[in-house]
């Protein structure tokens, strides 16, 4: 959907597979979706165009219910089911597997996220 207009949403495309409980983050040009239930895959889309998602790489853990946050250049995924405390990061503009970023102070599921990107306001 176009945020600046009113009206119904239209089909954008599909993920690389049927998934649920994913964490999402974005830069101004790409959106990333990671860690579906029992799946460590990261998918990405190009925000300015419609089309199906493409494989980005893999997170270091298979843990759903993670949270995500991002800057204009980096995405971080953390926490997850079964008390996972792992955090991973990726460089949004490139593709490839995530790298370990460290650990949360305790395992968490359903983690919230935030961003330093303000959308050009």
N, C-alpha and C. Protein backbone atom coordinates (compact mmCIF):
# COMPACT_ATOMS: atom_id res chain seq x y z
N UNK A 1 0.83 -1.16 0.00
CA UNK A 1 0.00 0.00 0.00
C UNK A 1 0.88 1.23 0.00
N UNK A 2 0.37 2.30 -0.53
CA UNK A 2 1.08 3.57 -0.52
C UNK A 2 0.63 4.33 0.72
N UNK A 3 1.52 4.58 1.63
CA UNK A 3 1.18 5.17 2.91
C UNK A 3 0.58 6.57 2.75
N UNK A 4 1.06 7.33 1.77
CA UNK A 4 0.60 8.71 1.60
C UNK A 4 -0.78 8.81 0.96
N UNK A 5 -1.42 7.70 0.62
CA UNK A 5 -2.73 7.76 -0.01
C UNK A 5 -3.71 6.86 0.75
N UNK A 6 -4.98 7.04 0.47
CA UNK A 6 -5.98 6.16 1.04
C UNK A 6 -6.31 5.08 0.03
N UNK A 7 -6.88 4.01 0.49
CA UNK A 7 -7.25 2.94 -0.43
C UNK A 7 -6.84 1.59 0.10
N UNK A 8 -7.14 0.57 -0.67
CA UNK A 8 -6.86 -0.80 -0.28
C UNK A 8 -5.42 -1.19 -0.57
N UNK A 9 -4.94 -2.15 0.16
CA UNK A 9 -3.62 -2.72 -0.09
C UNK A 9 -3.69 -3.61 -1.32
N UNK A 10 -2.56 -3.80 -1.98
CA UNK A 10 -2.48 -4.71 -3.12
C UNK A 10 -1.38 -5.73 -2.85
N UNK A 11 -1.38 -6.80 -3.62
CA UNK A 11 -0.39 -7.86 -3.44
C UNK A 11 1.00 -7.33 -3.78
N UNK A 12 1.95 -7.49 -2.89
CA UNK A 12 3.33 -7.06 -3.10
C UNK A 12 4.17 -8.19 -3.66
N UNK A 13 3.97 -9.38 -3.15
CA UNK A 13 4.76 -10.54 -3.55
C UNK A 13 4.72 -11.57 -2.43
N UNK A 14 5.56 -12.57 -2.51
CA UNK A 14 5.57 -13.66 -1.55
C UNK A 14 6.96 -13.84 -0.94
N UNK A 15 6.98 -14.36 0.29
CA UNK A 15 8.24 -14.78 0.90
C UNK A 15 8.74 -16.02 0.18
N UNK A 16 9.94 -16.46 0.48
CA UNK A 16 10.50 -17.63 -0.20
C UNK A 16 9.86 -18.93 0.27
N UNK A 17 9.03 -18.88 1.29
CA UNK A 17 8.30 -20.04 1.78
C UNK A 17 7.23 -19.60 2.74
N UNK A 18 6.38 -20.52 3.13
CA UNK A 18 5.33 -20.22 4.10
C UNK A 18 5.95 -20.12 5.48
N UNK A 19 5.79 -18.97 6.14
CA UNK A 19 6.46 -18.73 7.42
C UNK A 19 5.58 -17.96 8.37
N UNK A 20 5.88 -18.06 9.68
CA UNK A 20 5.19 -17.28 10.70
C UNK A 20 6.14 -16.99 11.85
N UNK A 21 5.79 -16.01 12.67
CA UNK A 21 6.57 -15.57 13.83
C UNK A 21 7.92 -14.95 13.45
N UNK A 22 7.97 -14.23 12.36
CA UNK A 22 9.22 -13.65 11.89
C UNK A 22 9.48 -12.28 12.53
N UNK A 23 10.74 -11.91 12.60
CA UNK A 23 11.16 -10.58 13.03
C UNK A 23 11.47 -9.77 11.78
N UNK A 24 11.21 -8.47 11.80
CA UNK A 24 11.46 -7.64 10.63
C UNK A 24 12.20 -6.37 10.98
N UNK A 25 13.03 -5.93 10.04
CA UNK A 25 13.71 -4.64 10.16
C UNK A 25 13.95 -4.12 8.75
N UNK A 26 14.40 -2.86 8.64
CA UNK A 26 14.53 -2.28 7.30
C UNK A 26 15.50 -1.11 7.28
N UNK A 27 15.98 -0.84 6.09
CA UNK A 27 16.64 0.42 5.78
C UNK A 27 15.65 1.18 4.90
N UNK A 28 16.05 2.28 4.32
CA UNK A 28 15.16 3.03 3.43
C UNK A 28 14.87 2.28 2.13
N UNK A 29 15.72 1.32 1.77
CA UNK A 29 15.56 0.62 0.49
C UNK A 29 15.22 -0.85 0.60
N UNK A 30 15.54 -1.50 1.71
CA UNK A 30 15.30 -2.94 1.85
C UNK A 30 14.56 -3.27 3.13
N UNK A 31 13.70 -4.27 3.03
CA UNK A 31 13.05 -4.83 4.21
C UNK A 31 13.53 -6.26 4.40
N UNK A 32 13.85 -6.62 5.65
CA UNK A 32 14.33 -7.96 5.97
C UNK A 32 13.37 -8.65 6.91
N UNK A 33 13.18 -9.96 6.69
CA UNK A 33 12.32 -10.80 7.51
C UNK A 33 13.14 -12.02 7.90
N UNK A 34 13.20 -12.32 9.21
CA UNK A 34 14.09 -13.40 9.64
C UNK A 34 13.46 -14.29 10.69
N UNK A 35 13.99 -15.50 10.77
CA UNK A 35 13.71 -16.46 11.82
C UNK A 35 12.23 -16.80 11.98
N UNK A 36 11.70 -17.48 10.99
CA UNK A 36 10.36 -18.03 11.14
C UNK A 36 10.42 -19.20 12.11
N UNK A 37 9.28 -19.75 12.41
CA UNK A 37 9.23 -20.89 13.32
C UNK A 37 10.12 -22.02 12.82
N UNK A 38 11.14 -22.39 13.61
CA UNK A 38 12.08 -23.47 13.30
C UNK A 38 12.79 -23.28 11.97
N UNK A 39 13.19 -22.05 11.67
CA UNK A 39 13.82 -21.72 10.40
C UNK A 39 14.75 -20.54 10.63
N UNK A 40 15.98 -20.62 10.20
CA UNK A 40 16.92 -19.52 10.42
C UNK A 40 17.10 -18.63 9.19
N UNK A 41 16.24 -18.78 8.19
CA UNK A 41 16.35 -18.04 6.94
C UNK A 41 16.05 -16.55 7.11
N UNK A 42 16.81 -15.72 6.36
CA UNK A 42 16.53 -14.29 6.24
C UNK A 42 16.10 -14.04 4.80
N UNK A 43 14.94 -13.39 4.61
CA UNK A 43 14.45 -12.97 3.30
C UNK A 43 14.55 -11.46 3.21
N UNK A 44 14.68 -10.93 1.98
CA UNK A 44 14.63 -9.47 1.82
C UNK A 44 13.78 -9.08 0.62
N UNK A 45 13.26 -7.87 0.70
CA UNK A 45 12.52 -7.27 -0.41
C UNK A 45 13.13 -5.90 -0.69
N UNK A 46 12.93 -5.42 -1.90
CA UNK A 46 13.28 -4.05 -2.24
C UNK A 46 12.00 -3.25 -2.09
N UNK A 47 12.01 -2.30 -1.17
CA UNK A 47 10.79 -1.58 -0.79
C UNK A 47 10.18 -0.79 -1.95
N UNK A 48 11.00 -0.21 -2.83
CA UNK A 48 10.49 0.64 -3.90
C UNK A 48 9.82 -0.12 -5.03
N UNK A 49 9.93 -1.44 -5.06
CA UNK A 49 9.32 -2.20 -6.13
C UNK A 49 8.56 -3.39 -5.56
N UNK A 50 7.58 -3.85 -6.29
CA UNK A 50 6.87 -5.04 -5.87
C UNK A 50 7.61 -6.27 -6.39
N UNK A 51 7.36 -7.37 -5.79
CA UNK A 51 7.99 -8.61 -6.23
C UNK A 51 8.21 -9.53 -5.06
N UNK A 52 8.57 -10.75 -5.36
CA UNK A 52 8.77 -11.75 -4.32
C UNK A 52 10.05 -11.48 -3.53
N UNK A 53 10.09 -11.99 -2.33
CA UNK A 53 11.28 -11.89 -1.49
C UNK A 53 12.38 -12.77 -2.07
N UNK A 54 13.60 -12.44 -1.70
CA UNK A 54 14.78 -13.18 -2.13
C UNK A 54 15.53 -13.63 -0.89
N UNK A 55 16.23 -14.76 -1.00
CA UNK A 55 17.02 -15.26 0.12
C UNK A 55 18.18 -14.31 0.38
N UNK A 56 18.35 -13.88 1.62
CA UNK A 56 19.42 -12.98 2.04
C UNK A 56 20.58 -13.77 2.62
N UNK A 57 20.28 -14.79 3.40
CA UNK A 57 21.26 -15.60 4.11
C UNK A 57 20.59 -16.26 5.29
N UNK A 58 21.36 -16.63 6.30
CA UNK A 58 20.83 -17.32 7.46
C UNK A 58 21.28 -16.64 8.75
N UNK A 59 20.43 -16.69 9.78
CA UNK A 59 20.82 -16.30 11.12
C UNK A 59 21.65 -17.42 11.74
N UNK A 60 22.30 -17.14 12.86
CA UNK A 60 23.15 -18.15 13.50
C UNK A 60 22.34 -19.16 14.29
N UNK A 61 21.07 -18.87 14.59
CA UNK A 61 20.22 -19.78 15.36
C UNK A 61 18.87 -19.97 14.68
N UNK A 62 18.23 -21.11 14.95
CA UNK A 62 16.87 -21.38 14.52
C UNK A 62 15.96 -21.06 15.70
N UNK A 63 15.52 -19.83 15.81
CA UNK A 63 14.72 -19.45 16.96
C UNK A 63 13.67 -18.43 16.53
N UNK A 64 12.41 -18.77 16.68
CA UNK A 64 11.33 -17.85 16.30
C UNK A 64 10.94 -16.98 17.49
N UNK A 65 10.13 -15.96 17.23
CA UNK A 65 9.71 -15.05 18.29
C UNK A 65 10.79 -14.06 18.66
N UNK A 66 11.70 -13.80 17.75
CA UNK A 66 12.79 -12.85 17.99
C UNK A 66 12.29 -11.43 17.77
N UNK A 67 13.03 -10.49 18.28
CA UNK A 67 12.80 -9.08 18.01
C UNK A 67 13.85 -8.59 17.03
N UNK A 68 13.62 -7.44 16.44
CA UNK A 68 14.58 -6.87 15.50
C UNK A 68 14.59 -5.36 15.63
N UNK A 69 15.73 -4.77 15.33
CA UNK A 69 15.85 -3.32 15.23
C UNK A 69 16.87 -3.03 14.15
N UNK A 70 16.92 -1.79 13.71
CA UNK A 70 17.84 -1.47 12.62
C UNK A 70 18.24 -0.01 12.65
N UNK A 71 19.38 0.25 12.04
CA UNK A 71 19.80 1.60 11.69
C UNK A 71 19.64 1.68 10.18
N UNK A 72 20.16 2.68 9.55
CA UNK A 72 20.09 2.78 8.10
C UNK A 72 20.97 1.73 7.42
N UNK A 73 21.91 1.15 8.16
CA UNK A 73 22.85 0.21 7.55
C UNK A 73 22.86 -1.18 8.15
N UNK A 74 22.48 -1.33 9.41
CA UNK A 74 22.62 -2.62 10.09
C UNK A 74 21.30 -3.07 10.69
N UNK A 75 21.02 -4.37 10.59
CA UNK A 75 19.87 -4.98 11.25
C UNK A 75 20.34 -5.92 12.33
N UNK A 76 19.65 -5.92 13.47
CA UNK A 76 19.99 -6.80 14.58
C UNK A 76 18.75 -7.60 14.96
N UNK A 77 18.90 -8.91 15.10
CA UNK A 77 17.84 -9.81 15.52
C UNK A 77 18.25 -10.42 16.85
N UNK A 78 17.31 -10.52 17.81
CA UNK A 78 17.71 -11.05 19.11
C UNK A 78 16.59 -11.74 19.85
N UNK A 79 17.00 -12.58 20.80
CA UNK A 79 16.06 -13.32 21.62
C UNK A 79 15.43 -14.46 20.86
N UNK A 80 14.34 -14.97 21.37
CA UNK A 80 13.62 -16.02 20.67
C UNK A 80 13.07 -17.07 21.60
N UNK A 81 12.37 -18.00 21.01
CA UNK A 81 11.71 -19.06 21.76
C UNK A 81 12.69 -19.89 22.56
N UNK A 82 12.16 -20.53 23.59
CA UNK A 82 12.91 -21.45 24.42
C UNK A 82 14.07 -20.78 25.18
N UNK A 83 13.88 -19.49 25.50
CA UNK A 83 14.87 -18.77 26.29
C UNK A 83 16.13 -18.38 25.57
N UNK A 84 16.07 -18.23 24.27
CA UNK A 84 17.26 -17.87 23.49
C UNK A 84 17.68 -16.44 23.81
N UNK A 85 18.96 -16.21 24.04
CA UNK A 85 19.50 -14.89 24.33
C UNK A 85 20.42 -14.38 23.23
N UNK A 86 20.55 -15.14 22.14
CA UNK A 86 21.48 -14.81 21.05
C UNK A 86 21.04 -13.57 20.30
N UNK A 87 22.00 -12.71 19.93
CA UNK A 87 21.76 -11.59 19.03
C UNK A 87 22.65 -11.77 17.80
N UNK A 88 22.09 -11.50 16.62
CA UNK A 88 22.80 -11.56 15.34
C UNK A 88 22.70 -10.22 14.65
N UNK A 89 23.66 -9.91 13.77
CA UNK A 89 23.53 -8.70 12.96
C UNK A 89 23.87 -8.98 11.51
N UNK A 90 23.31 -8.14 10.63
CA UNK A 90 23.60 -8.18 9.20
C UNK A 90 23.79 -6.75 8.71
N UNK A 91 24.51 -6.61 7.61
CA UNK A 91 24.58 -5.34 6.90
C UNK A 91 23.48 -5.39 5.86
N UNK A 92 22.49 -4.50 5.98
CA UNK A 92 21.27 -4.58 5.17
C UNK A 92 21.54 -4.44 3.68
N UNK A 93 22.49 -3.61 3.28
CA UNK A 93 22.75 -3.37 1.86
C UNK A 93 23.40 -4.54 1.14
N UNK A 94 23.96 -5.49 1.88
CA UNK A 94 24.59 -6.65 1.25
C UNK A 94 23.76 -7.89 1.59
N UNK A 95 24.15 -9.01 1.06
CA UNK A 95 23.52 -10.26 1.44
C UNK A 95 24.57 -11.15 2.07
N UNK A 96 24.13 -12.12 2.81
CA UNK A 96 25.05 -13.05 3.45
C UNK A 96 24.51 -13.47 4.80
N UNK A 97 25.19 -14.40 5.41
CA UNK A 97 24.77 -14.91 6.71
C UNK A 97 25.01 -13.89 7.81
N UNK A 98 24.20 -13.98 8.85
CA UNK A 98 24.34 -13.10 10.00
C UNK A 98 25.59 -13.48 10.80
N UNK A 99 26.06 -12.52 11.58
CA UNK A 99 27.20 -12.70 12.47
C UNK A 99 26.72 -12.51 13.90
N UNK A 100 27.28 -13.27 14.81
CA UNK A 100 26.90 -13.14 16.22
C UNK A 100 27.24 -11.75 16.72
N UNK A 101 26.28 -11.11 17.40
CA UNK A 101 26.43 -9.75 17.92
C UNK A 101 26.61 -9.75 19.43
N UNK A 102 26.42 -10.88 20.06
CA UNK A 102 26.51 -10.98 21.51
C UNK A 102 25.26 -11.63 22.06
N UNK A 103 24.97 -11.37 23.33
CA UNK A 103 23.81 -11.98 23.98
C UNK A 103 23.02 -10.95 24.76
N UNK A 104 21.72 -11.16 24.85
CA UNK A 104 20.88 -10.39 25.75
C UNK A 104 21.26 -10.76 27.18
N UNK A 105 20.84 -9.96 28.15
CA UNK A 105 21.16 -10.27 29.54
C UNK A 105 20.45 -11.53 30.02
N UNK A 106 19.36 -11.90 29.36
CA UNK A 106 18.63 -13.13 29.65
C UNK A 106 17.85 -13.52 28.40
N UNK A 107 17.51 -14.79 28.29
CA UNK A 107 16.72 -15.24 27.16
C UNK A 107 15.34 -14.60 27.17
N UNK A 108 14.86 -14.22 26.01
CA UNK A 108 13.57 -13.57 25.89
C UNK A 108 12.87 -14.04 24.62
N UNK A 109 11.54 -14.12 24.66
CA UNK A 109 10.74 -14.40 23.48
C UNK A 109 9.77 -13.25 23.27
N UNK A 110 9.48 -12.92 22.00
CA UNK A 110 8.58 -11.81 21.71
C UNK A 110 9.21 -10.47 22.01
N UNK A 111 10.49 -10.35 21.75
CA UNK A 111 11.24 -9.13 22.05
C UNK A 111 10.78 -7.99 21.14
N UNK A 112 10.69 -6.78 21.70
CA UNK A 112 10.37 -5.59 20.91
C UNK A 112 11.63 -4.99 20.32
N UNK A 113 11.48 -4.11 19.35
CA UNK A 113 12.63 -3.48 18.72
C UNK A 113 12.40 -2.00 18.53
N UNK A 114 13.46 -1.30 18.21
CA UNK A 114 13.38 0.14 17.93
C UNK A 114 14.44 0.48 16.90
N UNK A 115 14.45 1.74 16.48
CA UNK A 115 15.32 2.15 15.39
C UNK A 115 15.80 3.57 15.59
N UNK A 116 16.95 3.90 15.00
CA UNK A 116 17.39 5.28 15.02
C UNK A 116 17.04 6.00 13.72
N UNK A 117 16.34 5.33 12.84
CA UNK A 117 15.98 5.90 11.54
C UNK A 117 14.65 6.64 11.69
N UNK A 118 14.58 7.89 11.25
CA UNK A 118 13.38 8.69 11.47
C UNK A 118 12.60 8.95 10.20
N UNK A 119 12.96 8.38 9.09
CA UNK A 119 12.17 8.51 7.88
C UNK A 119 12.27 9.85 7.19
N UNK A 120 13.30 10.62 7.47
CA UNK A 120 13.50 11.90 6.79
C UNK A 120 12.67 13.04 7.32
N UNK A 121 12.10 12.89 8.50
CA UNK A 121 11.30 13.96 9.07
C UNK A 121 12.14 15.10 9.55
